[in-house]
Amino acid sequence: MSNTAFVEAANLLGVVATRFGLIAPGFRTPPRIVGVQRTVRRRPGGGLVAVAVKQRPMAAVLADMIDGVIVVNELAPPESDTVRAALWSAVTPLLTSSIVTPKASRHVQRVA
């Protein structure tokens, strides 16, 4: 998952959370604890979800981000199911659009 896709996913998840009247947590990568794939910190009025991105499938990263929104907001079924479905709907296009993402080529020019 590219940095751009991570930021886009974080923004989309924040928008959906806000539409449901929920807290939109902050997102960062990687987690500060070595060897874990996701950490969640709750704070009054907010929270932080840290997700490992390197060498992980994009779907796994997105799932951790979505679960982080659920945890920060302390949601339980059936509300958590409704919100989770809406969050997945928002980020699913990222999965299909990033299956083949060519890296931008870099051109170096010398200026005399």
PDB file of N, CA and C in Angstrom:
ATOM      1  N   MET A   1       0.855  -1.176   0.000  1.00  0.00           N
ATOM      2  CA  MET A   1       0.000   0.000   0.000  1.00  0.00           C
ATOM      3  C   MET A   1       0.897   1.234   0.000  1.00  0.00           C
ATOM      4  N   SER A   2       0.636   2.133  -0.890  1.00  0.00           N
ATOM      5  CA  SER A   2       1.440   3.351  -0.978  1.00  0.00           C
ATOM      6  C   SER A   2       1.039   4.332   0.124  1.00  0.00           C
ATOM      7  N   ASN A   3       1.918   5.291   0.371  1.00  0.00           N
ATOM      8  CA  ASN A   3       1.602   6.337   1.348  1.00  0.00           C
ATOM      9  C   ASN A   3       0.366   7.116   0.919  1.00  0.00           C
ATOM     10  N   THR A   4       0.266   7.360  -0.376  1.00  0.00           N
ATOM     11  CA  THR A   4      -0.882   8.096  -0.902  1.00  0.00           C
ATOM     12  C   THR A   4      -2.179   7.344  -0.638  1.00  0.00           C
ATOM     13  N   ALA A   5      -2.180   6.040  -0.869  1.00  0.00           N
ATOM     14  CA  ALA A   5      -3.375   5.229  -0.632  1.00  0.00           C
ATOM     15  C   ALA A   5      -3.717   5.189   0.854  1.00  0.00           C
ATOM     16  N   PHE A   6      -2.691   5.135   1.716  1.00  0.00           N
ATOM     17  CA  PHE A   6      -2.919   5.132   3.159  1.00  0.00           C
ATOM     18  C   PHE A   6      -3.612   6.430   3.588  1.00  0.00           C
ATOM     19  N   VAL A   7      -3.106   7.545   3.103  1.00  0.00           N
ATOM     20  CA  VAL A   7      -3.692   8.849   3.443  1.00  0.00           C
ATOM     21  C   VAL A   7      -5.112   8.957   2.902  1.00  0.00           C
ATOM     22  N   GLU A   8      -5.317   8.496   1.675  1.00  0.00           N
ATOM     23  CA  GLU A   8      -6.653   8.541   1.085  1.00  0.00           C
ATOM     24  C   GLU A   8      -7.631   7.686   1.887  1.00  0.00           C
ATOM     25  N   ALA A   9      -7.192   6.498   2.290  1.00  0.00           N
ATOM     26  CA  ALA A   9      -8.046   5.624   3.098  1.00  0.00           C
ATOM     27  C   ALA A   9      -8.380   6.287   4.431  1.00  0.00           C
ATOM     28  N   ALA A  10      -7.386   6.876   5.076  1.00  0.00           N
ATOM     29  CA  ALA A  10      -7.613   7.550   6.358  1.00  0.00           C
ATOM     30  C   ALA A  10      -8.638   8.672   6.202  1.00  0.00           C
ATOM     31  N   ASN A  11      -8.517   9.442   5.131  1.00  0.00           N
ATOM     32  CA  ASN A  11      -9.467  10.533   4.891  1.00  0.00           C
ATOM     33  C   ASN A  11     -10.880  10.010   4.650  1.00  0.00           C
ATOM     34  N   LEU A  12     -10.997   8.975   3.832  1.00  0.00           N
ATOM     35  CA  LEU A  12     -12.316   8.403   3.547  1.00  0.00           C
ATOM     36  C   LEU A  12     -12.961   7.844   4.810  1.00  0.00           C
ATOM     37  N   LEU A  13     -12.184   7.130   5.615  1.00  0.00           N
ATOM     38  CA  LEU A  13     -12.723   6.557   6.848  1.00  0.00           C
ATOM     39  C   LEU A  13     -13.149   7.658   7.816  1.00  0.00           C
ATOM     40  N   GLY A  14     -12.382   8.729   7.858  1.00  0.00           N
ATOM     41  CA  GLY A  14     -12.745   9.856   8.716  1.00  0.00           C
ATOM     42  C   GLY A  14     -14.052  10.510   8.300  1.00  0.00           C
ATOM     43  N   VAL A  15     -14.244  10.661   6.997  1.00  0.00           N
ATOM     44  CA  VAL A  15     -15.482  11.255   6.478  1.00  0.00           C
ATOM     45  C   VAL A  15     -16.681  10.391   6.852  1.00  0.00           C
ATOM     46  N   VAL A  16     -16.557   9.079   6.651  1.00  0.00           N
ATOM     47  CA  VAL A  16     -17.673   8.179   6.958  1.00  0.00           C
ATOM     48  C   VAL A  16     -17.958   8.176   8.458  1.00  0.00           C
ATOM     49  N   ALA A  17     -16.919   8.117   9.275  1.00  0.00           N
ATOM     50  CA  ALA A  17     -17.112   8.137  10.730  1.00  0.00           C
ATOM     51  C   ALA A  17     -17.860   9.399  11.150  1.00  0.00           C
ATOM     52  N   THR A  18     -17.459  10.523  10.596  1.00  0.00           N
ATOM     53  CA  THR A  18     -18.095  11.797  10.935  1.00  0.00           C
ATOM     54  C   THR A  18     -19.559  11.815  10.507  1.00  0.00           C
ATOM     55  N   ARG A  19     -19.858  11.233   9.355  1.00  0.00           N
ATOM     56  CA  ARG A  19     -21.256  11.172   8.885  1.00  0.00           C
ATOM     57  C   ARG A  19     -22.141  10.387   9.845  1.00  0.00           C
ATOM     58  N   PHE A  20     -21.552   9.410  10.527  1.00  0.00           N
ATOM     59  CA  PHE A  20     -22.296   8.619  11.504  1.00  0.00           C
ATOM     60  C   PHE A  20     -22.288   9.273  12.882  1.00  0.00           C
ATOM     61  N   GLY A  21     -21.693  10.453  12.989  1.00  0.00           N
ATOM     62  CA  GLY A  21     -21.625  11.135  14.274  1.00  0.00           C
ATOM     63  C   GLY A  21     -20.588  10.541  15.210  1.00  0.00           C
ATOM     64  N   LEU A  22     -19.596   9.865  14.636  1.00  0.00           N
ATOM     65  CA  LEU A  22     -18.568   9.193  15.423  1.00  0.00           C
ATOM     66  C   LEU A  22     -17.278   9.997  15.443  1.00  0.00           C
ATOM     67  N   ILE A  23     -16.375   9.572  16.300  1.00  0.00           N
ATOM     68  CA  ILE A  23     -15.041  10.159  16.354  1.00  0.00           C
ATOM     69  C   ILE A  23     -14.248   9.632  15.166  1.00  0.00           C
ATOM     70  N   ALA A  24     -13.624  10.526  14.439  1.00  0.00           N
ATOM     71  CA  ALA A  24     -12.719  10.133  13.355  1.00  0.00           C
ATOM     72  C   ALA A  24     -11.314  10.091  13.949  1.00  0.00           C
ATOM     73  N   PRO A  25     -10.766   8.885  14.162  1.00  0.00           N
ATOM     74  CA  PRO A  25      -9.443   8.809  14.779  1.00  0.00           C
ATOM     75  C   PRO A  25      -8.348   9.281  13.830  1.00  0.00           C
ATOM     76  N   GLY A  26      -7.202   9.581  14.405  1.00  0.00           N
ATOM     77  CA  GLY A  26      -6.026   9.837  13.595  1.00  0.00           C
ATOM     78  C   GLY A  26      -5.406   8.510  13.197  1.00  0.00           C
ATOM     79  N   PHE A  27      -4.694   8.500  12.094  1.00  0.00           N
ATOM     80  CA  PHE A  27      -4.031   7.282  11.625  1.00  0.00           C
ATOM     81  C   PHE A  27      -2.555   7.570  11.413  1.00  0.00           C
ATOM     82  N   ARG A  28      -1.724   6.569  11.731  1.00  0.00           N
ATOM     83  CA  ARG A  28      -0.290   6.696  11.477  1.00  0.00           C
ATOM     84  C   ARG A  28       0.265   5.320  11.149  1.00  0.00           C
ATOM     85  N   THR A  29       1.452   5.319  10.614  1.00  0.00           N
ATOM     86  CA  THR A  29       2.160   4.085  10.337  1.00  0.00           C
ATOM     87  C   THR A  29       3.644   4.331  10.533  1.00  0.00           C
ATOM     88  N   PRO A  30       4.364   3.409  11.086  1.00  0.00           N
ATOM     89  CA  PRO A  30       3.966   2.132  11.670  1.00  0.00           C
ATOM     90  C   PRO A  30       3.603   2.306  13.143  1.00  0.00           C
ATOM     91  N   PRO A  31       3.095   1.231  13.778  1.00  0.00           N
ATOM     92  CA  PRO A  31       2.881   1.288  15.226  1.00  0.00           C
ATOM     93  C   PRO A  31       4.226   1.434  15.943  1.00  0.00           C
ATOM     94  N   ARG A  32       4.215   2.042  17.095  1.00  0.00           N
ATOM     95  CA  ARG A  32       5.460   2.219  17.846  1.00  0.00           C
ATOM     96  C   ARG A  32       5.935   0.929  18.498  1.00  0.00           C
ATOM     97  N   ILE A  33       5.035  -0.003  18.723  1.00  0.00           N
ATOM     98  CA  ILE A  33       5.403  -1.279  19.335  1.00  0.00           C
ATOM     99  C   ILE A  33       5.888  -2.214  18.234  1.00  0.00           C
ATOM    100  N   VAL A  34       7.108  -2.671  18.354  1.00  0.00           N
ATOM    101  CA  VAL A  34       7.706  -3.542  17.342  1.00  0.00           C
ATOM    102  C   VAL A  34       7.006  -4.901  17.354  1.00  0.00           C
ATOM    103  N   GLY A  35       6.702  -5.399  16.156  1.00  0.00           N
ATOM    104  CA  GLY A  35       6.146  -6.739  16.020  1.00  0.00           C
ATOM    105  C   GLY A  35       4.632  -6.820  16.013  1.00  0.00           C
ATOM    106  N   VAL A  36       3.940  -5.703  16.187  1.00  0.00           N
ATOM    107  CA  VAL A  36       2.479  -5.732  16.127  1.00  0.00           C
ATOM    108  C   VAL A  36       2.014  -5.089  14.825  1.00  0.00           C
ATOM    109  N   GLN A  37       0.828  -5.471  14.398  1.00  0.00           N
ATOM    110  CA  GLN A  37       0.308  -4.934  13.143  1.00  0.00           C
ATOM    111  C   GLN A  37      -0.623  -3.749  13.341  1.00  0.00           C
ATOM    112  N   ARG A  38      -1.188  -3.626  14.553  1.00  0.00           N
ATOM    113  CA  ARG A  38      -2.086  -2.498  14.812  1.00  0.00           C
ATOM    114  C   ARG A  38      -2.088  -2.176  16.294  1.00  0.00           C
ATOM    115  N   THR A  39      -2.095  -0.888  16.602  1.00  0.00           N
ATOM    116  CA  THR A  39      -2.322  -0.441  17.972  1.00  0.00           C
ATOM    117  C   THR A  39      -3.395   0.637  17.942  1.00  0.00           C
ATOM    118  N   VAL A  40      -4.124   0.738  19.042  1.00  0.00           N
ATOM    119  CA  VAL A  40      -5.171   1.745  19.161  1.00  0.00           C
ATOM    120  C   VAL A  40      -4.999   2.448  20.497  1.00  0.00           C
ATOM    121  N   ARG A  41      -4.974   3.763  20.454  1.00  0.00           N
ATOM    122  CA  ARG A  41      -4.933   4.567  21.679  1.00  0.00           C
ATOM    123  C   ARG A  41      -6.195   5.404  21.735  1.00  0.00           C
ATOM    124  N   ARG A  42      -6.913   5.263  22.836  1.00  0.00           N
ATOM    125  CA  ARG A  42      -8.110   6.079  23.039  1.00  0.00           C
ATOM    126  C   ARG A  42      -7.752   7.254  23.926  1.00  0.00           C
ATOM    127  N   ARG A  43      -8.291   8.397  23.565  1.00  0.00           N
ATOM    128  CA  ARG A  43      -8.119   9.613  24.363  1.00  0.00           C
ATOM    129  C   ARG A  43      -9.469  10.313  24.416  1.00  0.00           C
ATOM    130  N   PRO A  44      -9.672  11.121  25.442  1.00  0.00           N
ATOM    131  CA  PRO A  44     -10.946  11.852  25.488  1.00  0.00           C
ATOM    132  C   PRO A  44     -11.143  12.674  24.208  1.00  0.00           C
ATOM    133  N   GLY A  45     -12.238  12.430  23.534  1.00  0.00           N
ATOM    134  CA  GLY A  45     -12.545  13.173  22.319  1.00  0.00           C
ATOM    135  C   GLY A  45     -11.794  12.730  21.083  1.00  0.00           C
ATOM    136  N   GLY A  46     -11.081  11.615  21.148  1.00  0.00           N
ATOM    137  CA  GLY A  46     -10.338  11.177  19.973  1.00  0.00           C
ATOM    138  C   GLY A  46      -9.617   9.869  20.186  1.00  0.00           C
ATOM    139  N   GLY A  47      -8.752   9.562  19.270  1.00  0.00           N
ATOM    140  CA  GLY A  47      -7.981   8.336  19.348  1.00  0.00           C
ATOM    141  C   GLY A  47      -6.989   8.285  18.212  1.00  0.00           C
ATOM    142  N   LEU A  48      -6.078   7.335  18.302  1.00  0.00           N
ATOM    143  CA  LEU A  48      -5.054   7.159  17.281  1.00  0.00           C
ATOM    144  C   LEU A  48      -4.958   5.685  16.933  1.00  0.00           C
ATOM    145  N   VAL A  49      -5.020   5.392  15.653  1.00  0.00           N
ATOM    146  CA  VAL A  49      -4.880   4.028  15.154  1.00  0.00           C
ATOM    147  C   VAL A  49      -3.573   3.973  14.374  1.00  0.00           C
ATOM    148  N   ALA A  50      -2.656   3.127  14.834  1.00  0.00           N
ATOM    149  CA  ALA A  50      -1.374   2.949  14.144  1.00  0.00           C
ATOM    150  C   ALA A  50      -1.379   1.576  13.485  1.00  0.00           C
ATOM    151  N   VAL A  51      -1.032   1.541  12.207  1.00  0.00           N
ATOM    152  CA  VAL A  51      -1.133   0.314  11.418  1.00  0.00           C
ATOM    153  C   VAL A  51       0.173   0.055  10.675  1.00  0.00           C
ATOM    154  N   ALA A  52       0.623  -1.206  10.717  1.00  0.00           N
ATOM    155  CA  ALA A  52       1.779  -1.610   9.914  1.00  0.00           C
ATOM    156  C   ALA A  52       1.327  -1.748   8.465  1.00  0.00           C
ATOM    157  N   VAL A  53       2.109  -1.190   7.553  1.00  0.00           N
ATOM    158  CA  VAL A  53       1.755  -1.213   6.130  1.00  0.00           C
ATOM    159  C   VAL A  53       2.720  -2.074   5.325  1.00  0.00           C
ATOM    160  N   LYS A  54       3.995  -2.005   5.646  1.00  0.00           N
ATOM    161  CA  LYS A  54       5.014  -2.698   4.848  1.00  0.00           C
ATOM    162  C   LYS A  54       4.787  -4.201   4.818  1.00  0.00           C
ATOM    163  N   GLN A  55       4.906  -4.751   3.621  1.00  0.00           N
ATOM    164  CA  GLN A  55       4.822  -6.189   3.361  1.00  0.00           C
ATOM    165  C   GLN A  55       3.515  -6.800   3.861  1.00  0.00           C
ATOM    166  N   ARG A  56       2.423  -6.044   3.737  1.00  0.00           N
ATOM    167  CA  ARG A  56       1.104  -6.549   4.103  1.00  0.00           C
ATOM    168  C   ARG A  56       0.138  -6.275   2.960  1.00  0.00           C
ATOM    169  N   PRO A  57      -0.815  -7.171   2.756  1.00  0.00           N
ATOM    170  CA  PRO A  57      -1.826  -6.917   1.730  1.00  0.00           C
ATOM    171  C   PRO A  57      -2.645  -5.670   2.080  1.00  0.00           C
ATOM    172  N   MET A  58      -3.010  -4.929   1.061  1.00  0.00           N
ATOM    173  CA  MET A  58      -3.780  -3.712   1.272  1.00  0.00           C
ATOM    174  C   MET A  58      -5.082  -4.000   2.015  1.00  0.00           C
ATOM    175  N   ALA A  59      -5.729  -5.107   1.711  1.00  0.00           N
ATOM    176  CA  ALA A  59      -6.986  -5.452   2.380  1.00  0.00           C
ATOM    177  C   ALA A  59      -6.781  -5.634   3.881  1.00  0.00           C
ATOM    178  N   ALA A  60      -5.646  -6.200   4.278  1.00  0.00           N
ATOM    179  CA  ALA A  60      -5.358  -6.383   5.704  1.00  0.00           C
ATOM    180  C   ALA A  60      -5.154  -5.040   6.396  1.00  0.00           C
ATOM    181  N   VAL A  61      -4.466  -4.128   5.728  1.00  0.00           N
ATOM    182  CA  VAL A  61      -4.240  -2.786   6.280  1.00  0.00           C
ATOM    183  C   VAL A  61      -5.577  -2.066   6.438  1.00  0.00           C
ATOM    184  N   LEU A  62      -6.407  -2.121   5.410  1.00  0.00           N
ATOM    185  CA  LEU A  62      -7.717  -1.470   5.472  1.00  0.00           C
ATOM    186  C   LEU A  62      -8.584  -2.077   6.570  1.00  0.00           C
ATOM    187  N   ALA A  63      -8.539  -3.392   6.722  1.00  0.00           N
ATOM    188  CA  ALA A  63      -9.313  -4.048   7.778  1.00  0.00           C
ATOM    189  C   ALA A  63      -8.875  -3.558   9.154  1.00  0.00           C
ATOM    190  N   ASP A  64      -7.566  -3.414   9.353  1.00  0.00           N
ATOM    191  CA  ASP A  64      -7.072  -2.903  10.632  1.00  0.00           C
ATOM    192  C   ASP A  64      -7.506  -1.461  10.862  1.00  0.00           C
ATOM    193  N   MET A  65      -7.500  -0.657   9.820  1.00  0.00           N
ATOM    194  CA  MET A  65      -7.930   0.738   9.947  1.00  0.00           C
ATOM    195  C   MET A  65      -9.417   0.809  10.305  1.00  0.00           C
ATOM    196  N   ILE A  66     -10.213  -0.012   9.645  1.00  0.00           N
ATOM    197  CA  ILE A  66     -11.653  -0.044   9.915  1.00  0.00           C
ATOM    198  C   ILE A  66     -11.915  -0.529  11.331  1.00  0.00           C
ATOM    199  N   ASP A  67     -11.250  -1.604  11.733  1.00  0.00           N
ATOM    200  CA  ASP A  67     -11.421  -2.097  13.100  1.00  0.00           C
ATOM    201  C   ASP A  67     -11.009  -1.043  14.118  1.00  0.00           C
ATOM    202  N   GLY A  68      -9.995  -0.257  13.777  1.00  0.00           N
ATOM    203  CA  GLY A  68      -9.571   0.817  14.663  1.00  0.00           C
ATOM    204  C   GLY A  68     -10.666   1.847  14.882  1.00  0.00           C
ATOM    205  N   VAL A  69     -11.388   2.199  13.827  1.00  0.00           N
ATOM    206  CA  VAL A  69     -12.508   3.141  13.963  1.00  0.00           C
ATOM    207  C   VAL A  69     -13.565   2.560  14.900  1.00  0.00           C
ATOM    208  N   ILE A  70     -13.853   1.279  14.739  1.00  0.00           N
ATOM    209  CA  ILE A  70     -14.850   0.609  15.579  1.00  0.00           C
ATOM    210  C   ILE A  70     -14.404   0.620  17.043  1.00  0.00           C
ATOM    211  N   VAL A  71     -13.132   0.297  17.294  1.00  0.00           N
ATOM    212  CA  VAL A  71     -12.602   0.229  18.660  1.00  0.00           C
ATOM    213  C   VAL A  71     -12.580   1.608  19.315  1.00  0.00           C
ATOM    214  N   VAL A  72     -12.074   2.608  18.600  1.00  0.00           N
ATOM    215  CA  VAL A  72     -11.998   3.962  19.168  1.00  0.00           C
ATOM    216  C   VAL A  72     -13.381   4.451  19.590  1.00  0.00           C
ATOM    217  N   ASN A  73     -14.387   4.099  18.818  1.00  0.00           N
ATOM    218  CA  ASN A  73     -15.746   4.543  19.117  1.00  0.00           C
ATOM    219  C   ASN A  73     -16.510   3.579  20.023  1.00  0.00           C
ATOM    220  N   GLU A  74     -15.864   2.489  20.428  1.00  0.00           N
ATOM    221  CA  GLU A  74     -16.451   1.502  21.342  1.00  0.00           C
ATOM    222  C   GLU A  74     -17.827   1.036  20.865  1.00  0.00           C
ATOM    223  N   LEU A  75     -17.901   0.693  19.578  1.00  0.00           N
ATOM    224  CA  LEU A  75     -19.163   0.259  18.995  1.00  0.00           C
ATOM    225  C   LEU A  75     -19.393  -1.225  19.229  1.00  0.00           C
ATOM    226  N   ALA A  76     -20.649  -1.591  19.348  1.00  0.00           N
ATOM    227  CA  ALA A  76     -21.050  -2.986  19.509  1.00  0.00           C
ATOM    228  C   ALA A  76     -22.147  -3.274  18.487  1.00  0.00           C
ATOM    229  N   PRO A  77     -22.360  -4.562  18.172  1.00  0.00           N
ATOM    230  CA  PRO A  77     -23.431  -4.905  17.238  1.00  0.00           C
ATOM    231  C   PRO A  77     -24.782  -4.430  17.784  1.00  0.00           C
ATOM    232  N   PRO A  78     -25.688  -4.058  16.948  1.00  0.00           N
ATOM    233  CA  PRO A  78     -25.668  -4.069  15.491  1.00  0.00           C
ATOM    234  C   PRO A  78     -25.049  -2.805  14.882  1.00  0.00           C
ATOM    235  N   GLU A  79     -24.826  -1.759  15.708  1.00  0.00           N
ATOM    236  CA  GLU A  79     -24.276  -0.516  15.157  1.00  0.00           C
ATOM    237  C   GLU A  79     -22.910  -0.737  14.514  1.00  0.00           C
ATOM    238  N   SER A  80     -22.071  -1.555  15.153  1.00  0.00           N
ATOM    239  CA  SER A  80     -20.731  -1.788  14.598  1.00  0.00           C
ATOM    240  C   SER A  80     -20.807  -2.435  13.220  1.00  0.00           C
ATOM    241  N   ASP A  81     -21.784  -3.305  13.018  1.00  0.00           N
ATOM    242  CA  ASP A  81     -21.937  -3.957  11.712  1.00  0.00           C
ATOM    243  C   ASP A  81     -22.339  -2.957  10.631  1.00  0.00           C
ATOM    244  N   THR A  82     -23.246  -2.065  10.974  1.00  0.00           N
ATOM    245  CA  THR A  82     -23.698  -1.043  10.028  1.00  0.00           C
ATOM    246  C   THR A  82     -22.553  -0.109   9.656  1.00  0.00           C
ATOM    247  N   VAL A  83     -21.820   0.347  10.669  1.00  0.00           N
ATOM    248  CA  VAL A  83     -20.706   1.267  10.430  1.00  0.00           C
ATOM    249  C   VAL A  83     -19.598   0.567   9.652  1.00  0.00           C
ATOM    250  N   ARG A  84     -19.279  -0.671  10.028  1.00  0.00           N
ATOM    251  CA  ARG A  84     -18.222  -1.417   9.332  1.00  0.00           C
ATOM    252  C   ARG A  84     -18.554  -1.562   7.846  1.00  0.00           C
ATOM    253  N   ALA A  85     -19.805  -1.877   7.541  1.00  0.00           N
ATOM    254  CA  ALA A  85     -20.218  -2.022   6.137  1.00  0.00           C
ATOM    255  C   ALA A  85     -20.051  -0.702   5.381  1.00  0.00           C
ATOM    256  N   ALA A  86     -20.404   0.403   6.008  1.00  0.00           N
ATOM    257  CA  ALA A  86     -20.260   1.712   5.359  1.00  0.00           C
ATOM    258  C   ALA A  86     -18.788   2.066   5.161  1.00  0.00           C
ATOM    259  N   LEU A  87     -17.953   1.742   6.142  1.00  0.00           N
ATOM    260  CA  LEU A  87     -16.518   2.013   6.024  1.00  0.00           C
ATOM    261  C   LEU A  87     -15.911   1.201   4.882  1.00  0.00           C
ATOM    262  N   TRP A  88     -16.280  -0.086   4.802  1.00  0.00           N
ATOM    263  CA  TRP A  88     -15.774  -0.919   3.706  1.00  0.00           C
ATOM    264  C   TRP A  88     -16.242  -0.391   2.351  1.00  0.00           C
ATOM    265  N   SER A  89     -17.488   0.049   2.277  1.00  0.00           N
ATOM    266  CA  SER A  89     -17.994   0.596   1.008  1.00  0.00           C
ATOM    267  C   SER A  89     -17.180   1.800   0.559  1.00  0.00           C
ATOM    268  N   ALA A  90     -16.737   2.598   1.527  1.00  0.00           N
ATOM    269  CA  ALA A  90     -15.968   3.797   1.188  1.00  0.00           C
ATOM    270  C   ALA A  90     -14.581   3.468   0.654  1.00  0.00           C
ATOM    271  N   VAL A  91     -13.940   2.425   1.195  1.00  0.00           N
ATOM    272  CA  VAL A  91     -12.547   2.151   0.814  1.00  0.00           C
ATOM    273  C   VAL A  91     -12.381   1.035  -0.212  1.00  0.00           C
ATOM    274  N   THR A  92     -13.429   0.294  -0.512  1.00  0.00           N
ATOM    275  CA  THR A  92     -13.324  -0.787  -1.493  1.00  0.00           C
ATOM    276  C   THR A  92     -12.806  -0.310  -2.850  1.00  0.00           C
ATOM    277  N   PRO A  93     -13.199   0.869  -3.335  1.00  0.00           N
ATOM    278  CA  PRO A  93     -12.628   1.330  -4.615  1.00  0.00           C
ATOM    279  C   PRO A  93     -11.102   1.448  -4.589  1.00  0.00           C
ATOM    280  N   LEU A  94     -10.519   1.680  -3.434  1.00  0.00           N
ATOM    281  CA  LEU A  94      -9.056   1.739  -3.346  1.00  0.00           C
ATOM    282  C   LEU A  94      -8.432   0.385  -3.671  1.00  0.00           C
ATOM    283  N   LEU A  95      -9.111  -0.688  -3.273  1.00  0.00           N
ATOM    284  CA  LEU A  95      -8.594  -2.031  -3.555  1.00  0.00           C
ATOM    285  C   LEU A  95      -8.562  -2.300  -5.052  1.00  0.00           C
ATOM    286  N   THR A  96      -9.623  -1.950  -5.736  1.00  0.00           N
ATOM    287  CA  THR A  96      -9.685  -2.246  -7.166  1.00  0.00           C
ATOM    288  C   THR A  96      -8.823  -1.301  -7.985  1.00  0.00           C
ATOM    289  N   SER A  97      -8.671  -0.062  -7.524  1.00  0.00           N
ATOM    290  CA  SER A  97      -7.876   0.892  -8.300  1.00  0.00           C
ATOM    291  C   SER A  97      -6.382   0.722  -8.085  1.00  0.00           C
ATOM    292  N   SER A  98      -5.996   0.022  -7.017  1.00  0.00           N
ATOM    293  CA  SER A  98      -4.562  -0.085  -6.736  1.00  0.00           C
ATOM    294  C   SER A  98      -3.999  -1.472  -7.021  1.00  0.00           C
ATOM    295  N   ILE A  99      -4.774  -2.317  -7.670  1.00  0.00           N
ATOM    296  CA  ILE A  99      -4.259  -3.643  -7.990  1.00  0.00           C
ATOM    297  C   ILE A  99      -3.023  -3.522  -8.867  1.00  0.00           C
ATOM    298  N   VAL A 100      -3.094  -2.659  -9.853  1.00  0.00           N
ATOM    299  CA  VAL A 100      -1.927  -2.397 -10.689  1.00  0.00           C
ATOM    300  C   VAL A 100      -1.675  -0.895 -10.637  1.00  0.00           C
ATOM    301  N   THR A 101      -0.703  -0.514  -9.843  1.00  0.00           N
ATOM    302  CA  THR A 101      -0.373   0.898  -9.716  1.00  0.00           C
ATOM    303  C   THR A 101       1.061   1.098 -10.159  1.00  0.00           C
ATOM    304  N   PRO A 102       1.265   1.603 -11.369  1.00  0.00           N
ATOM    305  CA  PRO A 102       2.643   1.809 -11.816  1.00  0.00           C
ATOM    306  C   PRO A 102       3.306   2.912 -11.005  1.00  0.00           C
ATOM    307  N   LYS A 103       4.555   2.688 -10.657  1.00  0.00           N
ATOM    308  CA  LYS A 103       5.307   3.712  -9.941  1.00  0.00           C
ATOM    309  C   LYS A 103       5.713   4.795 -10.923  1.00  0.00           C
ATOM    310  N   ALA A 104       5.654   5.999 -10.451  1.00  0.00           N
ATOM    311  CA  ALA A 104       6.045   7.124 -11.307  1.00  0.00           C
ATOM    312  C   ALA A 104       7.526   7.035 -11.600  1.00  0.00           C
ATOM    313  N   SER A 105       7.846   7.251 -12.838  1.00  0.00           N
ATOM    314  CA  SER A 105       9.265   7.211 -13.189  1.00  0.00           C
ATOM    315  C   SER A 105       9.906   8.533 -12.815  1.00  0.00           C
ATOM    316  N   ARG A 106      11.143   8.452 -12.424  1.00  0.00           N
ATOM    317  CA  ARG A 106      11.872   9.655 -12.039  1.00  0.00           C
ATOM    318  C   ARG A 106      12.871   9.998 -13.122  1.00  0.00           C
ATOM    319  N   HIS A 107      12.841  11.226 -13.515  1.00  0.00           N
ATOM    320  CA  HIS A 107      13.773  11.709 -14.519  1.00  0.00           C
ATOM    321  C   HIS A 107      14.712  12.699 -13.855  1.00  0.00           C
ATOM    322  N   VAL A 108      15.977  12.447 -14.003  1.00  0.00           N
ATOM    323  CA  VAL A 108      16.972  13.342 -13.433  1.00  0.00           C
ATOM    324  C   VAL A 108      17.582  14.142 -14.566  1.00  0.00           C
ATOM    325  N   GLN A 109      17.578  15.433 -14.396  1.00  0.00           N
ATOM    326  CA  GLN A 109      18.181  16.301 -15.397  1.00  0.00           C
ATOM    327  C   GLN A 109      19.307  17.085 -14.745  1.00  0.00           C
ATOM    328  N   ARG A 110      20.346  17.226 -15.483  1.00  0.00           N
ATOM    329  CA  ARG A 110      21.448  18.067 -15.010  1.00  0.00           C
ATOM    330  C   ARG A 110      21.263  19.457 -15.579  1.00  0.00           C
ATOM    331  N   VAL A 111      21.421  20.401 -14.721  1.00  0.00           N
ATOM    332  CA  VAL A 111      21.330  21.793 -15.150  1.00  0.00           C
ATOM    333  C   VAL A 111      22.717  22.387 -15.051  1.00  0.00           C
ATOM    334  N   ALA A 112      23.184  22.955 -16.156  1.00  0.00           N
ATOM    335  CA  ALA A 112      24.540  23.504 -16.187  1.00  0.00           C
ATOM    336  C   ALA A 112      24.652  24.772 -15.401  1.00  0.00           C
TER     337      ALA A 112
END
